[in-house]
Amino acid sequence: MNNKKKIIRKGIEAADGLSLGISIVVAILIGVGIGFFLKKTTGIFWLFWIGVFIGIGAAILNVFKAYKAQVKSYEEFKEENRYKDLRNDTKA
């Protein structure tokens, strides 16, 4: 693989990691916004914390979905011939 393809691949991997980080922050901020809105409209303070927990739950869900997608992409390599020798070498 030439250098240009390596650089492009690294850029894509970095952007993927960055988008996961941004989605975590955005999910928490949206949850805080929902909690703040509920607190202001109802006057009940603990509804703010419900919104915060909703945002944290959404962030955890985003990480879990990214993890499942990564595992699925690695499973595609399981049957390729060039990786079968590597698996057999590690078992010995």
C-alpha atoms as a PDB file:
ATOM      1  CA  MET A   1       0.000   0.000   0.000  1.00  0.00           C
ATOM      2  CA  ASN A   2       1.434   3.347  -0.936  1.00  0.00           C
ATOM      3  CA  ASN A   3       1.808   6.336   1.378  1.00  0.00           C
ATOM      4  CA  LYS A   4      -1.165   8.207  -0.036  1.00  0.00           C
ATOM      5  CA  LYS A   5      -3.555   5.347   0.790  1.00  0.00           C
ATOM      6  CA  LYS A   6      -2.072   5.029   4.293  1.00  0.00           C
ATOM      7  CA  ILE A   7      -2.579   8.732   4.933  1.00  0.00           C
ATOM      8  CA  ILE A   8      -6.165   8.596   3.683  1.00  0.00           C
ATOM      9  CA  ARG A   9      -6.927   5.545   5.841  1.00  0.00           C
ATOM     10  CA  LYS A  10      -5.476   7.224   8.954  1.00  0.00           C
ATOM     11  CA  GLY A  11      -7.524  10.332   8.219  1.00  0.00           C
ATOM     12  CA  ILE A  12     -10.714   8.325   7.951  1.00  0.00           C
ATOM     13  CA  GLU A  13      -9.998   6.490  11.209  1.00  0.00           C
ATOM     14  CA  ALA A  14      -9.279   9.786  12.970  1.00  0.00           C
ATOM     15  CA  ALA A  15     -12.474  11.346  11.659  1.00  0.00           C
ATOM     16  CA  ASP A  16     -14.450   8.325  12.833  1.00  0.00           C
ATOM     17  CA  GLY A  17     -13.038   8.645  16.336  1.00  0.00           C
ATOM     18  CA  LEU A  18     -13.639  12.378  16.342  1.00  0.00           C
ATOM     19  CA  SER A  19     -17.251  11.959  15.276  1.00  0.00           C
ATOM     20  CA  LEU A  20     -17.820   9.533  18.168  1.00  0.00           C
ATOM     21  CA  GLY A  21     -16.388  12.063  20.609  1.00  0.00           C
ATOM     22  CA  ILE A  22     -18.517  14.841  19.188  1.00  0.00           C
ATOM     23  CA  SER A  23     -21.654  12.683  19.351  1.00  0.00           C
ATOM     24  CA  ILE A  24     -20.981  11.980  23.048  1.00  0.00           C
ATOM     25  CA  VAL A  25     -20.664  15.680  23.834  1.00  0.00           C
ATOM     26  CA  VAL A  26     -23.721  16.600  21.762  1.00  0.00           C
ATOM     27  CA  ALA A  27     -25.865  13.885  23.379  1.00  0.00           C
ATOM     28  CA  ILE A  28     -24.985  15.129  26.863  1.00  0.00           C
ATOM     29  CA  LEU A  29     -25.581  18.769  25.902  1.00  0.00           C
ATOM     30  CA  ILE A  30     -28.978  17.918  24.427  1.00  0.00           C
ATOM     31  CA  GLY A  31     -29.854  16.054  27.633  1.00  0.00           C
ATOM     32  CA  VAL A  32     -28.800  19.055  29.721  1.00  0.00           C
ATOM     33  CA  GLY A  33     -30.894  21.290  27.464  1.00  0.00           C
ATOM     34  CA  ILE A  34     -33.938  19.057  27.891  1.00  0.00           C
ATOM     35  CA  GLY A  35     -33.417  19.025  31.657  1.00  0.00           C
ATOM     36  CA  PHE A  36     -33.027  22.793  31.780  1.00  0.00           C
ATOM     37  CA  PHE A  37     -36.180  23.245  29.696  1.00  0.00           C
ATOM     38  CA  LEU A  38     -38.174  20.895  31.934  1.00  0.00           C
ATOM     39  CA  LYS A  39     -36.920  22.672  35.049  1.00  0.00           C
ATOM     40  CA  LYS A  40     -37.818  26.107  33.696  1.00  0.00           C
ATOM     41  CA  THR A  41     -41.284  25.102  32.478  1.00  0.00           C
ATOM     42  CA  THR A  42     -42.326  23.103  35.541  1.00  0.00           C
ATOM     43  CA  GLY A  43     -40.197  24.614  38.306  1.00  0.00           C
ATOM     44  CA  ILE A  44     -39.245  21.155  39.578  1.00  0.00           C
ATOM     45  CA  PHE A  45     -35.479  21.050  40.066  1.00  0.00           C
ATOM     46  CA  TRP A  46     -34.936  17.287  39.858  1.00  0.00           C
ATOM     47  CA  LEU A  47     -36.292  17.226  36.289  1.00  0.00           C
ATOM     48  CA  PHE A  48     -33.024  18.889  35.305  1.00  0.00           C
ATOM     49  CA  TRP A  49     -31.156  15.802  36.515  1.00  0.00           C
ATOM     50  CA  ILE A  50     -33.536  13.534  34.616  1.00  0.00           C
ATOM     51  CA  GLY A  51     -32.492  15.371  31.430  1.00  0.00           C
ATOM     52  CA  VAL A  52     -28.814  15.024  32.336  1.00  0.00           C
ATOM     53  CA  PHE A  53     -29.233  11.269  32.844  1.00  0.00           C
ATOM     54  CA  ILE A  54     -31.088  10.994  29.530  1.00  0.00           C
ATOM     55  CA  GLY A  55     -28.127  12.693  27.827  1.00  0.00           C
ATOM     56  CA  ILE A  56     -25.601  10.419  29.526  1.00  0.00           C
ATOM     57  CA  GLY A  57     -27.683   7.379  28.553  1.00  0.00           C
ATOM     58  CA  ALA A  58     -27.771   8.550  24.942  1.00  0.00           C
ATOM     59  CA  ALA A  59     -23.985   9.022  24.972  1.00  0.00           C
ATOM     60  CA  ILE A  60     -23.484   5.494  26.326  1.00  0.00           C
ATOM     61  CA  LEU A  61     -25.822   4.176  23.635  1.00  0.00           C
ATOM     62  CA  ASN A  62     -23.743   5.939  20.956  1.00  0.00           C
ATOM     63  CA  VAL A  63     -20.563   4.306  22.268  1.00  0.00           C
ATOM     64  CA  PHE A  64     -22.252   0.891  22.356  1.00  0.00           C
ATOM     65  CA  LYS A  65     -23.480   1.247  18.771  1.00  0.00           C
ATOM     66  CA  ALA A  66     -19.986   2.271  17.608  1.00  0.00           C
ATOM     67  CA  TYR A  67     -18.518  -0.732  19.437  1.00  0.00           C
ATOM     68  CA  LYS A  68     -20.987  -3.136  17.806  1.00  0.00           C
ATOM     69  CA  ALA A  69     -20.224  -1.690  14.360  1.00  0.00           C
ATOM     70  CA  GLN A  70     -16.486  -2.098  14.985  1.00  0.00           C
ATOM     71  CA  VAL A  71     -16.902  -5.720  16.073  1.00  0.00           C
ATOM     72  CA  LYS A  72     -18.988  -6.423  12.977  1.00  0.00           C
ATOM     73  CA  SER A  73     -16.312  -4.938  10.718  1.00  0.00           C
ATOM     74  CA  TYR A  74     -13.629  -7.086  12.366  1.00  0.00           C
ATOM     75  CA  GLU A  75     -15.720 -10.227  11.911  1.00  0.00           C
ATOM     76  CA  GLU A  76     -15.619  -9.678   8.151  1.00  0.00           C
ATOM     77  CA  PHE A  77     -11.878 -10.435   8.260  1.00  0.00           C
ATOM     78  CA  LYS A  78     -12.398 -13.768  10.001  1.00  0.00           C
ATOM     79  CA  GLU A  79     -12.738 -15.805   6.821  1.00  0.00           C
ATOM     80  CA  GLU A  80     -10.049 -14.113   4.723  1.00  0.00           C
ATOM     81  CA  ASN A  81      -7.163 -16.432   3.869  1.00  0.00           C
ATOM     82  CA  ARG A  82      -4.405 -13.970   4.686  1.00  0.00           C
ATOM     83  CA  TYR A  83      -5.573 -13.763   8.312  1.00  0.00           C
ATOM     84  CA  LYS A  84      -6.160 -17.493   8.868  1.00  0.00           C
ATOM     85  CA  ASP A  85      -2.421 -18.141   9.220  1.00  0.00           C
ATOM     86  CA  LEU A  86      -2.128 -15.430  11.865  1.00  0.00           C
ATOM     87  CA  ARG A  87      -4.916 -16.975  13.958  1.00  0.00           C
ATOM     88  CA  ASN A  88      -3.306 -20.421  13.767  1.00  0.00           C
ATOM     89  CA  ASP A  89       0.084 -19.032  14.832  1.00  0.00           C
ATOM     90  CA  THR A  90      -1.338 -17.407  17.967  1.00  0.00           C
ATOM     91  CA  LYS A  91      -3.047 -20.601  19.124  1.00  0.00           C
ATOM     92  CA  ALA A  92       0.185 -22.603  19.219  1.00  0.00           C
END
